[in-house]
Amino acid sequence: GGGALDVEGGTITGPVRANGAAQMRLCGPTITGPVEATKGIGSVVIGEGTSGCAGGIITGPVTLTGNTAGVLVEKMSVTGPLTVTGNTGGTTVTNNHVVGPLTVTGNGAPVVDKPNSVTGPSKVQ
């Protein structure tokens, strides 16, 4: 808790987990394994789709729950469930390609959760 995780490019094989982090930022990664950010006190950014923070690829489930300073998932390719629930401070989940279910529920306003390309069931706010 309280630390920060900033990944810029590269390949990670295995899980990426942050619990109570001051910030989590994943830019242009290729991750094979689950990604989880829970109870963060700073922003959670998984791809911005910009030259400074490109989208990336995650093969595994992504779970973002109970973060309090905003969540952004932008221009990512996710194979596995993408679950974004119970976050505050603004939630944006857009322009992603999700192979599996997409769930964006119970987040504090403002919430932007489309457009996304999803090949599984979607439950969005």
C-alpha atoms as a PDB file:
ATOM      1  CA  GLY A   1       0.000   0.000   0.000  1.00  0.00           C
ATOM      2  CA  GLY A   2       1.060   3.559  -0.759  1.00  0.00           C
ATOM      3  CA  GLY A   3       3.648   2.610  -3.404  1.00  0.00           C
ATOM      4  CA  ALA A   4       3.360   3.366  -7.104  1.00  0.00           C
ATOM      5  CA  LEU A   5       3.652   1.079 -10.128  1.00  0.00           C
ATOM      6  CA  ASP A   6       4.590   2.538 -13.538  1.00  0.00           C
ATOM      7  CA  VAL A   7       5.147   0.136 -16.444  1.00  0.00           C
ATOM      8  CA  GLU A   8       6.157   1.614 -19.810  1.00  0.00           C
ATOM      9  CA  GLY A   9       6.366  -1.013 -22.542  1.00  0.00           C
ATOM     10  CA  GLY A  10       7.920  -4.379 -21.978  1.00  0.00           C
ATOM     11  CA  THR A  11       6.549  -7.842 -21.428  1.00  0.00           C
ATOM     12  CA  ILE A  12       5.414  -9.248 -18.094  1.00  0.00           C
ATOM     13  CA  THR A  13       4.622 -12.935 -17.715  1.00  0.00           C
ATOM     14  CA  GLY A  14       2.616 -13.452 -14.563  1.00  0.00           C
ATOM     15  CA  PRO A  15       0.294 -11.427 -12.386  1.00  0.00           C
ATOM     16  CA  VAL A  16       0.365  -7.661 -11.861  1.00  0.00           C
ATOM     17  CA  ARG A  17      -1.355  -6.637  -8.632  1.00  0.00           C
ATOM     18  CA  ALA A  18      -1.604  -3.343  -6.794  1.00  0.00           C
ATOM     19  CA  ASN A  19      -3.503  -3.027  -3.504  1.00  0.00           C
ATOM     20  CA  GLY A  20      -3.820   0.440  -1.966  1.00  0.00           C
ATOM     21  CA  ALA A  21      -1.318   1.935  -4.415  1.00  0.00           C
ATOM     22  CA  ALA A  22      -0.635   5.661  -4.695  1.00  0.00           C
ATOM     23  CA  GLN A  23      -0.750   5.168  -8.486  1.00  0.00           C
ATOM     24  CA  MET A  24      -0.850   2.389 -11.075  1.00  0.00           C
ATOM     25  CA  ARG A  25       0.072   3.221 -14.668  1.00  0.00           C
ATOM     26  CA  LEU A  26       0.488   0.634 -17.435  1.00  0.00           C
ATOM     27  CA  CYS A  27       1.539   2.096 -20.801  1.00  0.00           C
ATOM     28  CA  GLY A  28       2.123  -0.106 -23.842  1.00  0.00           C
ATOM     29  CA  PRO A  29       2.576  -3.346 -21.921  1.00  0.00           C
ATOM     30  CA  THR A  30       2.197  -6.926 -23.021  1.00  0.00           C
ATOM     31  CA  ILE A  31       1.037  -8.813 -19.944  1.00  0.00           C
ATOM     32  CA  THR A  32       0.310 -12.530 -19.809  1.00  0.00           C
ATOM     33  CA  GLY A  33      -1.510 -13.034 -16.543  1.00  0.00           C
ATOM     34  CA  PRO A  34      -4.100 -11.314 -14.403  1.00  0.00           C
ATOM     35  CA  VAL A  35      -4.038  -7.572 -13.698  1.00  0.00           C
ATOM     36  CA  GLU A  36      -5.646  -6.304 -10.510  1.00  0.00           C
ATOM     37  CA  ALA A  37      -5.853  -2.872  -8.886  1.00  0.00           C
ATOM     38  CA  THR A  38      -7.865  -2.630  -5.679  1.00  0.00           C
ATOM     39  CA  LYS A  39      -8.393   0.126  -3.135  1.00  0.00           C
ATOM     40  CA  GLY A  40      -5.927   2.476  -4.834  1.00  0.00           C
ATOM     41  CA  ILE A  41      -5.650   5.980  -3.430  1.00  0.00           C
ATOM     42  CA  GLY A  42      -4.229   7.407  -6.668  1.00  0.00           C
ATOM     43  CA  SER A  43      -5.173   7.130 -10.314  1.00  0.00           C
ATOM     44  CA  VAL A  44      -5.291   3.817 -12.156  1.00  0.00           C
ATOM     45  CA  VAL A  45      -4.315   4.181 -15.823  1.00  0.00           C
ATOM     46  CA  ILE A  46      -4.174   1.204 -18.149  1.00  0.00           C
ATOM     47  CA  GLY A  47      -3.285   2.625 -21.544  1.00  0.00           C
ATOM     48  CA  GLU A  48      -4.221   6.141 -22.582  1.00  0.00           C
ATOM     49  CA  GLY A  49      -3.964   5.584 -26.298  1.00  0.00           C
ATOM     50  CA  THR A  50      -1.548   8.497 -26.633  1.00  0.00           C
ATOM     51  CA  SER A  51       2.052   8.622 -27.825  1.00  0.00           C
ATOM     52  CA  GLY A  52       3.078   9.158 -24.193  1.00  0.00           C
ATOM     53  CA  CYS A  53       1.067   6.180 -22.934  1.00  0.00           C
ATOM     54  CA  ALA A  54       0.133   3.683 -25.611  1.00  0.00           C
ATOM     55  CA  GLY A  55      -2.460   0.977 -25.252  1.00  0.00           C
ATOM     56  CA  GLY A  56      -1.281  -2.598 -24.939  1.00  0.00           C
ATOM     57  CA  ILE A  57      -2.206  -6.249 -24.651  1.00  0.00           C
ATOM     58  CA  ILE A  58      -3.344  -8.151 -21.578  1.00  0.00           C
ATOM     59  CA  THR A  59      -3.994 -11.878 -21.806  1.00  0.00           C
ATOM     60  CA  GLY A  60      -5.822 -12.630 -18.595  1.00  0.00           C
ATOM     61  CA  PRO A  61      -8.514 -11.126 -16.428  1.00  0.00           C
ATOM     62  CA  VAL A  62      -8.417  -7.432 -15.494  1.00  0.00           C
ATOM     63  CA  THR A  63     -10.106  -6.431 -12.230  1.00  0.00           C
ATOM     64  CA  LEU A  64     -10.252  -2.799 -11.048  1.00  0.00           C
ATOM     65  CA  THR A  65     -12.229  -2.457  -7.819  1.00  0.00           C
ATOM     66  CA  GLY A  66     -12.623   0.132  -5.060  1.00  0.00           C
ATOM     67  CA  ASN A  67     -10.111   2.689  -6.364  1.00  0.00           C
ATOM     68  CA  THR A  68     -10.779   6.253  -5.250  1.00  0.00           C
ATOM     69  CA  ALA A  69      -8.919   8.624  -7.593  1.00  0.00           C
ATOM     70  CA  GLY A  70     -10.185   7.665 -11.032  1.00  0.00           C
ATOM     71  CA  VAL A  71      -9.788   4.745 -13.409  1.00  0.00           C
ATOM     72  CA  LEU A  72      -8.910   4.906 -17.121  1.00  0.00           C
ATOM     73  CA  VAL A  73      -8.728   1.908 -19.468  1.00  0.00           C
ATOM     74  CA  GLU A  74      -8.096   3.127 -23.026  1.00  0.00           C
ATOM     75  CA  LYS A  75      -7.139   1.394 -26.301  1.00  0.00           C
ATOM     76  CA  MET A  76      -6.272  -1.942 -24.701  1.00  0.00           C
ATOM     77  CA  SER A  77      -6.676  -5.442 -26.071  1.00  0.00           C
ATOM     78  CA  VAL A  78      -7.874  -7.683 -23.245  1.00  0.00           C
ATOM     79  CA  THR A  79      -8.383 -11.424 -23.557  1.00  0.00           C
ATOM     80  CA  GLY A  80     -10.299 -12.383 -20.460  1.00  0.00           C
ATOM     81  CA  PRO A  81     -12.925 -10.634 -18.376  1.00  0.00           C
ATOM     82  CA  LEU A  82     -12.545  -6.863 -17.884  1.00  0.00           C
ATOM     83  CA  THR A  83     -14.279  -5.915 -14.625  1.00  0.00           C
ATOM     84  CA  VAL A  84     -14.427  -2.303 -13.400  1.00  0.00           C
ATOM     85  CA  THR A  85     -16.608  -1.980 -10.287  1.00  0.00           C
ATOM     86  CA  GLY A  86     -17.037   0.232  -7.243  1.00  0.00           C
ATOM     87  CA  ASN A  87     -14.534   2.935  -8.209  1.00  0.00           C
ATOM     88  CA  THR A  88     -14.869   6.675  -7.535  1.00  0.00           C
ATOM     89  CA  GLY A  89     -13.214   9.775  -8.934  1.00  0.00           C
ATOM     90  CA  GLY A  90     -14.347   9.159 -12.523  1.00  0.00           C
ATOM     91  CA  THR A  91     -14.259   6.009 -14.625  1.00  0.00           C
ATOM     92  CA  THR A  92     -13.450   5.829 -18.338  1.00  0.00           C
ATOM     93  CA  VAL A  93     -13.379   2.540 -20.229  1.00  0.00           C
ATOM     94  CA  THR A  94     -13.301   3.294 -23.971  1.00  0.00           C
ATOM     95  CA  ASN A  95     -11.911   2.159 -27.309  1.00  0.00           C
ATOM     96  CA  ASN A  96     -10.854  -1.263 -26.025  1.00  0.00           C
ATOM     97  CA  HIS A  97     -11.081  -4.671 -27.683  1.00  0.00           C
ATOM     98  CA  VAL A  98     -12.290  -7.212 -25.127  1.00  0.00           C
ATOM     99  CA  VAL A  99     -12.465 -10.941 -25.841  1.00  0.00           C
ATOM    100  CA  GLY A 100     -14.614 -12.013 -22.932  1.00  0.00           C
ATOM    101  CA  PRO A 101     -17.110 -10.233 -20.706  1.00  0.00           C
ATOM    102  CA  LEU A 102     -17.004  -6.509 -19.950  1.00  0.00           C
ATOM    103  CA  THR A 103     -18.512  -5.341 -16.653  1.00  0.00           C
ATOM    104  CA  VAL A 104     -18.572  -1.648 -15.692  1.00  0.00           C
ATOM    105  CA  THR A 105     -20.941  -1.249 -12.722  1.00  0.00           C
ATOM    106  CA  GLY A 106     -21.316   0.567  -9.425  1.00  0.00           C
ATOM    107  CA  ASN A 107     -18.789   3.302 -10.210  1.00  0.00           C
ATOM    108  CA  GLY A 108     -19.188   6.901  -9.051  1.00  0.00           C
ATOM    109  CA  ALA A 109     -19.894   9.558 -11.676  1.00  0.00           C
ATOM    110  CA  PRO A 110     -18.754  10.515 -14.187  1.00  0.00           C
ATOM    111  CA  VAL A 111     -18.633   7.203 -16.060  1.00  0.00           C
ATOM    112  CA  VAL A 112     -17.822   6.795 -19.764  1.00  0.00           C
ATOM    113  CA  ASP A 113     -17.975   3.166 -20.855  1.00  0.00           C
ATOM    114  CA  LYS A 114     -18.356   3.164 -24.642  1.00  0.00           C
ATOM    115  CA  PRO A 115     -17.435   2.611 -27.376  1.00  0.00           C
ATOM    116  CA  ASN A 116     -15.694  -0.735 -26.888  1.00  0.00           C
ATOM    117  CA  SER A 117     -15.508  -3.837 -29.068  1.00  0.00           C
ATOM    118  CA  VAL A 118     -16.637  -6.756 -26.902  1.00  0.00           C
ATOM    119  CA  THR A 119     -17.071 -10.368 -28.005  1.00  0.00           C
ATOM    120  CA  GLY A 120     -18.560 -11.529 -24.700  1.00  0.00           C
ATOM    121  CA  PRO A 121     -21.500 -10.282 -22.640  1.00  0.00           C
ATOM    122  CA  SER A 122     -21.480  -6.624 -21.554  1.00  0.00           C
ATOM    123  CA  LYS A 123     -22.934  -5.073 -18.437  1.00  0.00           C
ATOM    124  CA  VAL A 124     -22.250  -1.334 -18.389  1.00  0.00           C
ATOM    125  CA  GLN A 125     -23.612   1.622 -16.455  1.00  0.00           C
END
